[in-house]
Amino acid sequence: MTLPGTLTRILEEDYEISINKIEPVSGGSINHAAKLRSGKNRFFIKWNDSAPEDMFEKEAAGLTILRNADTGLVIPQVIAHRKPEKSTPGFLMMEYIEPQRGDGTASKNLGIELARLHNHKSERFGLDHDNYIGSLRQSNTFHRSWISFFIQERIEPQLKMALDSGRLGGKSRKHWEKLAVQLNDIFPVTRPSLLHGDLWGGNYFFNNEHQPVLIDPAVYYGHPEMELSFTTLFGGFSEQFYDVYAFETSLQPGFTNRVDIYNLYPLLVHVNLFGGHYVSQVESILNRF
């Protein structure tokens, strides 16, 4: 595997990183990724020729927000990032952390530390800047109400995109409108919590000290149940994780009945990125209303 020549030159000239070895890293569906060896140092780098110009900048900002939160979560340190320019791809480089297989202790640590992250509160839902979930822009305009934030900044932009592309039909809009007016009776009241924002099984792992490592954030302040629901969407989280998280946070009754509604957001994101069976999953949830 090789890096684009312009990217190699930037690393050498601007950051004085002389690359000894490049190894491909799998797992991403949007960017190219590799592990770099430079002397005794190891780095992770991902790059993209056609990424939105501020995508890696916003990801770096999200990593920094998480890293500065008072938790035991391990967040890779950002080394450098650039936007795409002419023949040079945009890139994000950070410290490389070797993934390790987790055990029961590691899963419990993840539950404890995610609860600590969600205990990092704000007065408003949102963030002081927009960012991305996958390659799609994520609007984080501040709201005092979780329900207005969920409707206006999460569901509506993604639903409009899916309708405009023809991946969803007008019936989905009608079912959503019926659901939206019921949200006051469905969602419990909470203060805004700091969320990773894209927490599925591929965006966390454990280091050699059984500490949870989080990557690829889509950070904002939201309802903590939103994040916990997201973890159920594709699997990859143990019973110990859920048990410890529930103990640490005292989940409000009826959470399991709200999971599918929260997950309309990531499912709509996947409809707009990939289409396929995600369309029927969204329709199946909305058709209940």
C-alpha atoms as a PDB file:
ATOM      1  CA  MET A   1       0.000   0.000   0.000  1.00  0.00           C
ATOM      2  CA  THR A   2       1.191   3.520  -0.758  1.00  0.00           C
ATOM      3  CA  LEU A   3       0.056   6.993   0.226  1.00  0.00           C
ATOM      4  CA  PRO A   4      -0.669   9.615  -2.421  1.00  0.00           C
ATOM      5  CA  GLY A   5       2.631  11.325  -3.248  1.00  0.00           C
ATOM      6  CA  THR A   6       1.413  14.765  -2.252  1.00  0.00           C
ATOM      7  CA  LEU A   7       0.310  13.436   1.132  1.00  0.00           C
ATOM      8  CA  THR A   8       3.679  11.794   1.761  1.00  0.00           C
ATOM      9  CA  ARG A   9       5.413  15.064   0.922  1.00  0.00           C
ATOM     10  CA  ILE A  10       3.210  17.061   3.319  1.00  0.00           C
ATOM     11  CA  LEU A  11       3.930  14.659   6.182  1.00  0.00           C
ATOM     12  CA  GLU A  12       7.662  14.814   5.531  1.00  0.00           C
ATOM     13  CA  GLU A  13       7.995  18.552   4.903  1.00  0.00           C
ATOM     14  CA  ASP A  14       5.365  20.048   7.210  1.00  0.00           C
ATOM     15  CA  TYR A  15       5.363  17.568  10.083  1.00  0.00           C
ATOM     16  CA  GLU A  16       8.857  16.030   9.779  1.00  0.00           C
ATOM     17  CA  ILE A  17       7.430  12.524   9.727  1.00  0.00           C
ATOM     18  CA  SER A  18       9.547  10.119   7.724  1.00  0.00           C
ATOM     19  CA  ILE A  19       7.498   7.029   6.912  1.00  0.00           C
ATOM     20  CA  ASN A  20       9.215   3.646   7.282  1.00  0.00           C
ATOM     21  CA  LYS A  21       6.215   1.386   6.727  1.00  0.00           C
ATOM     22  CA  ILE A  22       2.582   1.649   5.609  1.00  0.00           C
ATOM     23  CA  GLU A  23      -0.004  -0.972   6.493  1.00  0.00           C
ATOM     24  CA  PRO A  24      -3.637  -0.892   5.295  1.00  0.00           C
ATOM     25  CA  VAL A  25      -6.392  -0.657   7.900  1.00  0.00           C
ATOM     26  CA  SER A  26      -9.858  -2.014   7.130  1.00  0.00           C
ATOM     27  CA  GLY A  27     -13.258  -1.059   8.513  1.00  0.00           C
ATOM     28  CA  GLY A  28     -14.131   2.260   6.905  1.00  0.00           C
ATOM     29  CA  SER A  29     -16.631   2.643   4.068  1.00  0.00           C
ATOM     30  CA  ILE A  30     -15.917   6.282   3.233  1.00  0.00           C
ATOM     31  CA  ASN A  31     -12.170   6.960   3.523  1.00  0.00           C
ATOM     32  CA  HIS A  32      -8.868   5.270   2.791  1.00  0.00           C
ATOM     33  CA  ALA A  33      -7.013   4.356   5.984  1.00  0.00           C
ATOM     34  CA  ALA A  34      -3.566   3.130   7.000  1.00  0.00           C
ATOM     35  CA  LYS A  35      -1.216   2.606   9.912  1.00  0.00           C
ATOM     36  CA  LEU A  36       2.083   4.436   9.540  1.00  0.00           C
ATOM     37  CA  ARG A  37       5.398   3.577  11.160  1.00  0.00           C
ATOM     38  CA  SER A  38       7.911   6.366  11.609  1.00  0.00           C
ATOM     39  CA  GLY A  39      10.868   5.209  13.679  1.00  0.00           C
ATOM     40  CA  LYS A  40       9.411   4.096  17.013  1.00  0.00           C
ATOM     41  CA  ASN A  41       6.202   6.060  16.474  1.00  0.00           C
ATOM     42  CA  ARG A  42       2.982   4.721  14.991  1.00  0.00           C
ATOM     43  CA  PHE A  43       0.184   6.807  13.541  1.00  0.00           C
ATOM     44  CA  PHE A  44      -3.263   6.224  12.087  1.00  0.00           C
ATOM     45  CA  ILE A  45      -4.161   8.236   8.995  1.00  0.00           C
ATOM     46  CA  LYS A  46      -7.247   8.417   6.826  1.00  0.00           C
ATOM     47  CA  TRP A  47      -7.666  10.426   3.675  1.00  0.00           C
ATOM     48  CA  ASN A  48     -10.222  11.227   1.015  1.00  0.00           C
ATOM     49  CA  ASP A  49      -9.958  13.059  -2.293  1.00  0.00           C
ATOM     50  CA  SER A  50     -13.607  14.109  -2.368  1.00  0.00           C
ATOM     51  CA  ALA A  51     -14.427  14.697   1.292  1.00  0.00           C
ATOM     52  CA  PRO A  52     -16.271  17.896   2.230  1.00  0.00           C
ATOM     53  CA  GLU A  53     -13.540  20.410   2.891  1.00  0.00           C
ATOM     54  CA  ASP A  54     -14.240  20.740   6.626  1.00  0.00           C
ATOM     55  CA  MET A  55     -15.087  17.091   7.373  1.00  0.00           C
ATOM     56  CA  PHE A  56     -11.751  16.145   8.924  1.00  0.00           C
ATOM     57  CA  GLU A  57     -11.538  19.474  10.751  1.00  0.00           C
ATOM     58  CA  LYS A  58     -14.908  18.791  12.410  1.00  0.00           C
ATOM     59  CA  GLU A  59     -13.930  15.231  13.277  1.00  0.00           C
ATOM     60  CA  ALA A  60     -10.739  16.502  14.888  1.00  0.00           C
ATOM     61  CA  ALA A  61     -12.783  19.002  16.886  1.00  0.00           C
ATOM     62  CA  GLY A  62     -15.099  16.223  18.066  1.00  0.00           C
ATOM     63  CA  LEU A  63     -12.172  14.082  19.182  1.00  0.00           C
ATOM     64  CA  THR A  64     -10.776  17.023  21.118  1.00  0.00           C
ATOM     65  CA  ILE A  65     -14.131  17.645  22.839  1.00  0.00           C
ATOM     66  CA  LEU A  66     -14.322  14.014  23.917  1.00  0.00           C
ATOM     67  CA  ARG A  67     -10.675  13.976  24.973  1.00  0.00           C
ATOM     68  CA  ASN A  68     -11.236  17.038  27.169  1.00  0.00           C
ATOM     69  CA  ALA A  69     -14.265  15.538  28.915  1.00  0.00           C
ATOM     70  CA  ASP A  70     -13.711  14.184  32.423  1.00  0.00           C
ATOM     71  CA  THR A  71     -13.949  10.449  31.705  1.00  0.00           C
ATOM     72  CA  GLY A  72     -11.777   7.366  31.527  1.00  0.00           C
ATOM     73  CA  LEU A  73     -12.535   6.944  27.832  1.00  0.00           C
ATOM     74  CA  VAL A  74      -9.410   6.842  25.699  1.00  0.00           C
ATOM     75  CA  ILE A  75      -9.605   9.239  22.763  1.00  0.00           C
ATOM     76  CA  PRO A  76      -6.745   9.204  20.230  1.00  0.00           C
ATOM     77  CA  GLN A  77      -4.738  12.407  20.129  1.00  0.00           C
ATOM     78  CA  VAL A  78      -5.034  14.340  16.877  1.00  0.00           C
ATOM     79  CA  ILE A  79      -1.677  14.980  15.214  1.00  0.00           C
ATOM     80  CA  ALA A  80      -2.711  16.810  12.048  1.00  0.00           C
ATOM     81  CA  HIS A  81      -5.555  17.395   9.629  1.00  0.00           C
ATOM     82  CA  ARG A  82      -5.975  19.167   6.283  1.00  0.00           C
ATOM     83  CA  LYS A  83      -8.831  19.904   3.912  1.00  0.00           C
ATOM     84  CA  PRO A  84      -8.637  18.680   0.284  1.00  0.00           C
ATOM     85  CA  GLU A  85      -6.706  21.029  -1.984  1.00  0.00           C
ATOM     86  CA  LYS A  86      -6.162  20.593  -5.720  1.00  0.00           C
ATOM     87  CA  SER A  87      -4.222  17.314  -6.082  1.00  0.00           C
ATOM     88  CA  THR A  88      -3.884  16.773  -2.321  1.00  0.00           C
ATOM     89  CA  PRO A  89      -6.532  14.728  -0.484  1.00  0.00           C
ATOM     90  CA  GLY A  90      -7.954  15.855   2.822  1.00  0.00           C
ATOM     91  CA  PHE A  91      -6.629  13.832   5.721  1.00  0.00           C
ATOM     92  CA  LEU A  92      -6.744  13.268   9.464  1.00  0.00           C
ATOM     93  CA  MET A  93      -3.795  11.786  11.332  1.00  0.00           C
ATOM     94  CA  MET A  94      -3.814  10.730  14.981  1.00  0.00           C
ATOM     95  CA  GLU A  95      -1.933   8.497  17.354  1.00  0.00           C
ATOM     96  CA  TYR A  96      -2.320   4.791  16.648  1.00  0.00           C
ATOM     97  CA  ILE A  97      -3.770   2.614  19.416  1.00  0.00           C
ATOM     98  CA  GLU A  98      -3.553  -1.137  18.902  1.00  0.00           C
ATOM     99  CA  PRO A  99      -7.015  -2.724  19.237  1.00  0.00           C
ATOM    100  CA  GLN A 100      -7.282  -5.549  21.750  1.00  0.00           C
ATOM    101  CA  ARG A 101     -10.008  -8.085  22.422  1.00  0.00           C
ATOM    102  CA  GLY A 102     -12.159  -6.971  25.338  1.00  0.00           C
ATOM    103  CA  ASP A 103     -13.395  -9.107  28.224  1.00  0.00           C
ATOM    104  CA  GLY A 104     -16.149  -8.676  30.802  1.00  0.00           C
ATOM    105  CA  THR A 105     -14.103  -6.139  32.729  1.00  0.00           C
ATOM    106  CA  ALA A 106     -13.519  -4.094  29.585  1.00  0.00           C
ATOM    107  CA  SER A 107     -17.241  -4.098  28.748  1.00  0.00           C
ATOM    108  CA  LYS A 108     -18.090  -2.930  32.252  1.00  0.00           C
ATOM    109  CA  ASN A 109     -15.516  -0.162  31.891  1.00  0.00           C
ATOM    110  CA  LEU A 110     -17.225   0.965  28.691  1.00  0.00           C
ATOM    111  CA  GLY A 111     -20.604   1.150  30.458  1.00  0.00           C
ATOM    112  CA  ILE A 112     -19.163   3.099  33.379  1.00  0.00           C
ATOM    113  CA  GLU A 113     -17.235   5.559  31.235  1.00  0.00           C
ATOM    114  CA  LEU A 114     -20.056   6.154  28.758  1.00  0.00           C
ATOM    115  CA  ALA A 115     -22.291   6.998  31.718  1.00  0.00           C
ATOM    116  CA  ARG A 116     -19.614   9.454  32.877  1.00  0.00           C
ATOM    117  CA  LEU A 117     -19.539  11.027  29.416  1.00  0.00           C
ATOM    118  CA  HIS A 118     -23.313  11.427  29.497  1.00  0.00           C
ATOM    119  CA  ASN A 119     -23.008  13.077  32.892  1.00  0.00           C
ATOM    120  CA  HIS A 120     -21.172  15.919  31.144  1.00  0.00           C
ATOM    121  CA  LYS A 121     -24.137  18.317  30.804  1.00  0.00           C
ATOM    122  CA  SER A 122     -25.075  21.502  28.972  1.00  0.00           C
ATOM    123  CA  GLU A 123     -28.008  23.903  29.065  1.00  0.00           C
ATOM    124  CA  ARG A 124     -28.943  23.453  25.401  1.00  0.00           C
ATOM    125  CA  PHE A 125     -29.210  20.602  22.915  1.00  0.00           C
ATOM    126  CA  GLY A 126     -26.801  20.872  20.010  1.00  0.00           C
ATOM    127  CA  LEU A 127     -23.282  22.208  19.592  1.00  0.00           C
ATOM    128  CA  ASP A 128     -21.583  25.468  18.678  1.00  0.00           C
ATOM    129  CA  HIS A 129     -20.802  24.113  15.210  1.00  0.00           C
ATOM    130  CA  ASP A 130     -22.227  21.654  12.702  1.00  0.00           C
ATOM    131  CA  ASN A 131     -20.319  18.484  11.903  1.00  0.00           C
ATOM    132  CA  TYR A 132     -20.782  15.204  10.022  1.00  0.00           C
ATOM    133  CA  ILE A 133     -22.222  11.766  10.549  1.00  0.00           C
ATOM    134  CA  GLY A 134     -20.543   9.581   7.969  1.00  0.00           C
ATOM    135  CA  SER A 135     -20.141  11.944   5.037  1.00  0.00           C
ATOM    136  CA  LEU A 136     -23.473  13.707   5.632  1.00  0.00           C
ATOM    137  CA  ARG A 137     -23.642  17.094   7.284  1.00  0.00           C
ATOM    138  CA  GLN A 138     -25.153  17.030  10.756  1.00  0.00           C
ATOM    139  CA  SER A 139     -26.938  20.175  11.882  1.00  0.00           C
ATOM    140  CA  ASN A 140     -26.356  21.084  15.540  1.00  0.00           C
ATOM    141  CA  THR A 141     -28.273  24.353  15.876  1.00  0.00           C
ATOM    142  CA  PHE A 142     -28.983  24.909  19.575  1.00  0.00           C
ATOM    143  CA  HIS A 143     -32.436  24.194  21.025  1.00  0.00           C
ATOM    144  CA  ARG A 144     -33.772  24.358  24.560  1.00  0.00           C
ATOM    145  CA  SER A 145     -36.103  21.441  23.854  1.00  0.00           C
ATOM    146  CA  TRP A 146     -34.927  17.925  22.997  1.00  0.00           C
ATOM    147  CA  ILE A 147     -38.089  17.298  20.979  1.00  0.00           C
ATOM    148  CA  SER A 148     -37.634  20.378  18.788  1.00  0.00           C
ATOM    149  CA  PHE A 149     -33.962  19.487  18.325  1.00  0.00           C
ATOM    150  CA  PHE A 150     -34.802  15.876  17.409  1.00  0.00           C
ATOM    151  CA  ILE A 151     -37.457  16.984  14.912  1.00  0.00           C
ATOM    152  CA  GLN A 152     -35.730  19.963  13.293  1.00  0.00           C
ATOM    153  CA  GLU A 153     -32.037  19.051  13.422  1.00  0.00           C
ATOM    154  CA  ARG A 154     -32.137  15.254  13.236  1.00  0.00           C
ATOM    155  CA  ILE A 155     -35.177  13.793  11.503  1.00  0.00           C
ATOM    156  CA  GLU A 156     -36.370  16.551   9.180  1.00  0.00           C
ATOM    157  CA  PRO A 157     -33.084  17.098   7.255  1.00  0.00           C
ATOM    158  CA  GLN A 158     -32.561  13.371   6.697  1.00  0.00           C
ATOM    159  CA  LEU A 159     -36.204  12.691   5.870  1.00  0.00           C
ATOM    160  CA  LYS A 160     -36.256  15.518   3.318  1.00  0.00           C
ATOM    161  CA  MET A 161     -33.105  14.138   1.689  1.00  0.00           C
ATOM    162  CA  ALA A 162     -34.633  10.649   1.483  1.00  0.00           C
ATOM    163  CA  LEU A 163     -37.892  12.001   0.044  1.00  0.00           C
ATOM    164  CA  ASP A 164     -36.133  14.243  -2.473  1.00  0.00           C
ATOM    165  CA  SER A 165     -34.041  11.320  -3.721  1.00  0.00           C
ATOM    166  CA  GLY A 166     -37.099   9.092  -4.051  1.00  0.00           C
ATOM    167  CA  ARG A 167     -35.783   6.506  -1.619  1.00  0.00           C
ATOM    168  CA  LEU A 168     -38.790   7.139   0.628  1.00  0.00           C
ATOM    169  CA  GLY A 169     -42.320   7.932  -0.507  1.00  0.00           C
ATOM    170  CA  GLY A 170     -44.933  10.418   0.669  1.00  0.00           C
ATOM    171  CA  LYS A 171     -46.536   7.900   3.042  1.00  0.00           C
ATOM    172  CA  SER A 172     -43.405   8.026   5.182  1.00  0.00           C
ATOM    173  CA  ARG A 173     -43.842  11.786   5.557  1.00  0.00           C
ATOM    174  CA  LYS A 174     -47.456  11.351   6.686  1.00  0.00           C
ATOM    175  CA  HIS A 175     -46.554   8.653   9.212  1.00  0.00           C
ATOM    176  CA  TRP A 176     -43.709  10.792  10.563  1.00  0.00           C
ATOM    177  CA  GLU A 177     -46.032  13.771  11.023  1.00  0.00           C
ATOM    178  CA  LYS A 178     -48.382  11.566  13.070  1.00  0.00           C
ATOM    179  CA  LEU A 179     -45.472  10.403  15.209  1.00  0.00           C
ATOM    180  CA  ALA A 180     -43.957  13.859  15.675  1.00  0.00           C
ATOM    181  CA  VAL A 181     -47.002  15.240  17.479  1.00  0.00           C
ATOM    182  CA  GLN A 182     -46.819  12.355  19.971  1.00  0.00           C
ATOM    183  CA  LEU A 183     -43.196  12.867  21.001  1.00  0.00           C
ATOM    184  CA  ASN A 184     -44.070  14.990  24.028  1.00  0.00           C
ATOM    185  CA  ASP A 185     -45.747  11.920  25.494  1.00  0.00           C
ATOM    186  CA  ILE A 186     -42.956   9.527  24.430  1.00  0.00           C
ATOM    187  CA  PHE A 187     -39.591  11.098  25.285  1.00  0.00           C
ATOM    188  CA  PRO A 188     -38.700  11.621  28.967  1.00  0.00           C
ATOM    189  CA  VAL A 189     -37.382  15.036  29.976  1.00  0.00           C
ATOM    190  CA  THR A 190     -33.631  15.277  30.476  1.00  0.00           C
ATOM    191  CA  ARG A 191     -30.789  17.771  30.518  1.00  0.00           C
ATOM    192  CA  PRO A 192     -28.528  17.699  27.441  1.00  0.00           C
ATOM    193  CA  SER A 193     -25.676  15.171  27.696  1.00  0.00           C
ATOM    194  CA  LEU A 194     -22.424  15.061  25.769  1.00  0.00           C
ATOM    195  CA  LEU A 195     -22.756  12.272  23.187  1.00  0.00           C
ATOM    196  CA  HIS A 196     -20.240  10.547  20.957  1.00  0.00           C
ATOM    197  CA  GLY A 197     -23.010  10.717  18.368  1.00  0.00           C
ATOM    198  CA  ASP A 198     -22.125   7.714  16.166  1.00  0.00           C
ATOM    199  CA  LEU A 199     -21.574   4.966  18.694  1.00  0.00           C
ATOM    200  CA  TRP A 200     -21.917   1.625  16.947  1.00  0.00           C
ATOM    201  CA  GLY A 201     -19.747  -1.462  17.335  1.00  0.00           C
ATOM    202  CA  GLY A 202     -17.201  -0.335  14.752  1.00  0.00           C
ATOM    203  CA  ASN A 203     -16.437   2.948  16.508  1.00  0.00           C
ATOM    204  CA  TYR A 204     -15.065   1.597  19.760  1.00  0.00           C
ATOM    205  CA  PHE A 205     -12.477  -0.939  20.820  1.00  0.00           C
ATOM    206  CA  PHE A 206     -10.276  -1.662  23.843  1.00  0.00           C
ATOM    207  CA  ASN A 207      -6.600  -1.000  24.457  1.00  0.00           C
ATOM    208  CA  ASN A 208      -4.182  -3.359  26.205  1.00  0.00           C
ATOM    209  CA  GLU A 209      -5.258  -2.040  29.616  1.00  0.00           C
ATOM    210  CA  HIS A 210      -8.949  -2.943  29.042  1.00  0.00           C
ATOM    211  CA  GLN A 211      -9.823   0.735  28.588  1.00  0.00           C
ATOM    212  CA  PRO A 212     -12.471   1.670  25.997  1.00  0.00           C
ATOM    213  CA  VAL A 213     -11.244   3.672  23.010  1.00  0.00           C
ATOM    214  CA  LEU A 214     -13.711   5.785  20.991  1.00  0.00           C
ATOM    215  CA  ILE A 215     -13.133   6.918  17.406  1.00  0.00           C
ATOM    216  CA  ASP A 216     -15.084   8.568  14.539  1.00  0.00           C
ATOM    217  CA  PRO A 217     -17.340  10.850  16.602  1.00  0.00           C
ATOM    218  CA  ALA A 218     -20.306  12.962  15.529  1.00  0.00           C
ATOM    219  CA  VAL A 219     -20.371  14.920  18.788  1.00  0.00           C
ATOM    220  CA  TYR A 220     -23.239  16.994  20.158  1.00  0.00           C
ATOM    221  CA  TYR A 221     -25.254  17.478  23.338  1.00  0.00           C
ATOM    222  CA  GLY A 222     -28.377  15.342  23.149  1.00  0.00           C
ATOM    223  CA  HIS A 223     -30.622  12.905  24.963  1.00  0.00           C
ATOM    224  CA  PRO A 224     -28.506  10.102  26.473  1.00  0.00           C
ATOM    225  CA  GLU A 225     -31.136   7.549  25.436  1.00  0.00           C
ATOM    226  CA  MET A 226     -30.389   8.515  21.833  1.00  0.00           C
ATOM    227  CA  GLU A 227     -26.840   7.214  22.200  1.00  0.00           C
ATOM    228  CA  LEU A 228     -27.823   4.061  24.060  1.00  0.00           C
ATOM    229  CA  SER A 229     -30.420   3.280  21.390  1.00  0.00           C
ATOM    230  CA  PHE A 230     -27.790   3.685  18.674  1.00  0.00           C
ATOM    231  CA  THR A 231     -25.668   0.985  20.343  1.00  0.00           C
ATOM    232  CA  THR A 232     -28.475  -1.540  19.823  1.00  0.00           C
ATOM    233  CA  LEU A 233     -28.811  -0.941  16.092  1.00  0.00           C
ATOM    234  CA  PHE A 234     -25.986  -3.111  14.753  1.00  0.00           C
ATOM    235  CA  GLY A 235     -24.985  -5.116  17.838  1.00  0.00           C
ATOM    236  CA  GLY A 236     -21.476  -5.377  19.257  1.00  0.00           C
ATOM    237  CA  PHE A 237     -22.214  -4.428  22.874  1.00  0.00           C
ATOM    238  CA  SER A 238     -22.391  -6.928  25.713  1.00  0.00           C
ATOM    239  CA  GLU A 239     -25.014  -7.488  28.390  1.00  0.00           C
ATOM    240  CA  GLN A 240     -22.452  -6.375  30.991  1.00  0.00           C
ATOM    241  CA  PHE A 241     -22.183  -3.019  29.195  1.00  0.00           C
ATOM    242  CA  TYR A 242     -25.950  -2.422  29.324  1.00  0.00           C
ATOM    243  CA  ASP A 243     -26.291  -3.644  32.912  1.00  0.00           C
ATOM    244  CA  VAL A 244     -23.523  -1.379  34.190  1.00  0.00           C
ATOM    245  CA  TYR A 245     -24.732   1.632  32.190  1.00  0.00           C
ATOM    246  CA  ALA A 246     -28.282   1.209  33.534  1.00  0.00           C
ATOM    247  CA  PHE A 247     -26.951   0.931  37.086  1.00  0.00           C
ATOM    248  CA  GLU A 248     -24.844   4.064  36.698  1.00  0.00           C
ATOM    249  CA  THR A 249     -27.589   6.194  35.121  1.00  0.00           C
ATOM    250  CA  SER A 250     -30.941   4.833  36.363  1.00  0.00           C
ATOM    251  CA  LEU A 251     -32.689   4.497  33.007  1.00  0.00           C
ATOM    252  CA  GLN A 252     -36.246   5.761  32.996  1.00  0.00           C
ATOM    253  CA  PRO A 253     -39.050   3.192  32.553  1.00  0.00           C
ATOM    254  CA  GLY A 254     -40.079   2.276  29.022  1.00  0.00           C
ATOM    255  CA  PHE A 255     -36.709   2.809  27.366  1.00  0.00           C
ATOM    256  CA  THR A 256     -36.976  -0.262  25.147  1.00  0.00           C
ATOM    257  CA  ASN A 257     -40.252   1.079  23.731  1.00  0.00           C
ATOM    258  CA  ARG A 258     -38.477   4.270  22.624  1.00  0.00           C
ATOM    259  CA  VAL A 259     -35.420   2.681  20.989  1.00  0.00           C
ATOM    260  CA  ASP A 260     -36.832   2.405  17.459  1.00  0.00           C
ATOM    261  CA  ILE A 261     -37.970   6.030  17.479  1.00  0.00           C
ATOM    262  CA  TYR A 262     -34.510   7.277  18.448  1.00  0.00           C
ATOM    263  CA  ASN A 263     -32.987   5.002  15.816  1.00  0.00           C
ATOM    264  CA  LEU A 264     -34.996   6.606  13.035  1.00  0.00           C
ATOM    265  CA  TYR A 265     -32.142   9.101  12.815  1.00  0.00           C
ATOM    266  CA  PRO A 266     -29.218   6.718  12.164  1.00  0.00           C
ATOM    267  CA  LEU A 267     -31.453   4.577   9.958  1.00  0.00           C
ATOM    268  CA  LEU A 268     -32.376   7.598   7.832  1.00  0.00           C
ATOM    269  CA  VAL A 269     -28.683   8.439   7.593  1.00  0.00           C
ATOM    270  CA  HIS A 270     -28.077   4.927   6.258  1.00  0.00           C
ATOM    271  CA  VAL A 271     -30.997   5.281   3.841  1.00  0.00           C
ATOM    272  CA  ASN A 272     -29.355   8.387   2.423  1.00  0.00           C
ATOM    273  CA  LEU A 273     -25.872   6.872   2.315  1.00  0.00           C
ATOM    274  CA  PHE A 274     -26.657   3.338   1.184  1.00  0.00           C
ATOM    275  CA  GLY A 275     -30.381   2.806   0.492  1.00  0.00           C
ATOM    276  CA  GLY A 276     -31.105  -0.924   0.412  1.00  0.00           C
ATOM    277  CA  HIS A 277     -32.814  -2.660   3.314  1.00  0.00           C
ATOM    278  CA  TYR A 278     -32.523   0.449   5.498  1.00  0.00           C
ATOM    279  CA  VAL A 279     -35.498   1.848   3.572  1.00  0.00           C
ATOM    280  CA  SER A 280     -37.775  -0.972   4.716  1.00  0.00           C
ATOM    281  CA  GLN A 281     -36.515  -0.627   8.301  1.00  0.00           C
ATOM    282  CA  VAL A 282     -37.490   3.052   8.384  1.00  0.00           C
ATOM    283  CA  GLU A 283     -40.848   2.331   6.760  1.00  0.00           C
ATOM    284  CA  SER A 284     -41.537  -0.490   9.223  1.00  0.00           C
ATOM    285  CA  ILE A 285     -41.035   1.870  12.203  1.00  0.00           C
ATOM    286  CA  LEU A 286     -43.017   4.752  10.736  1.00  0.00           C
ATOM    287  CA  ASN A 287     -45.894   2.522   9.620  1.00  0.00           C
ATOM    288  CA  ARG A 288     -46.746   1.902  13.265  1.00  0.00           C
ATOM    289  CA  PHE A 289     -48.014   5.469  13.491  1.00  0.00           C
END
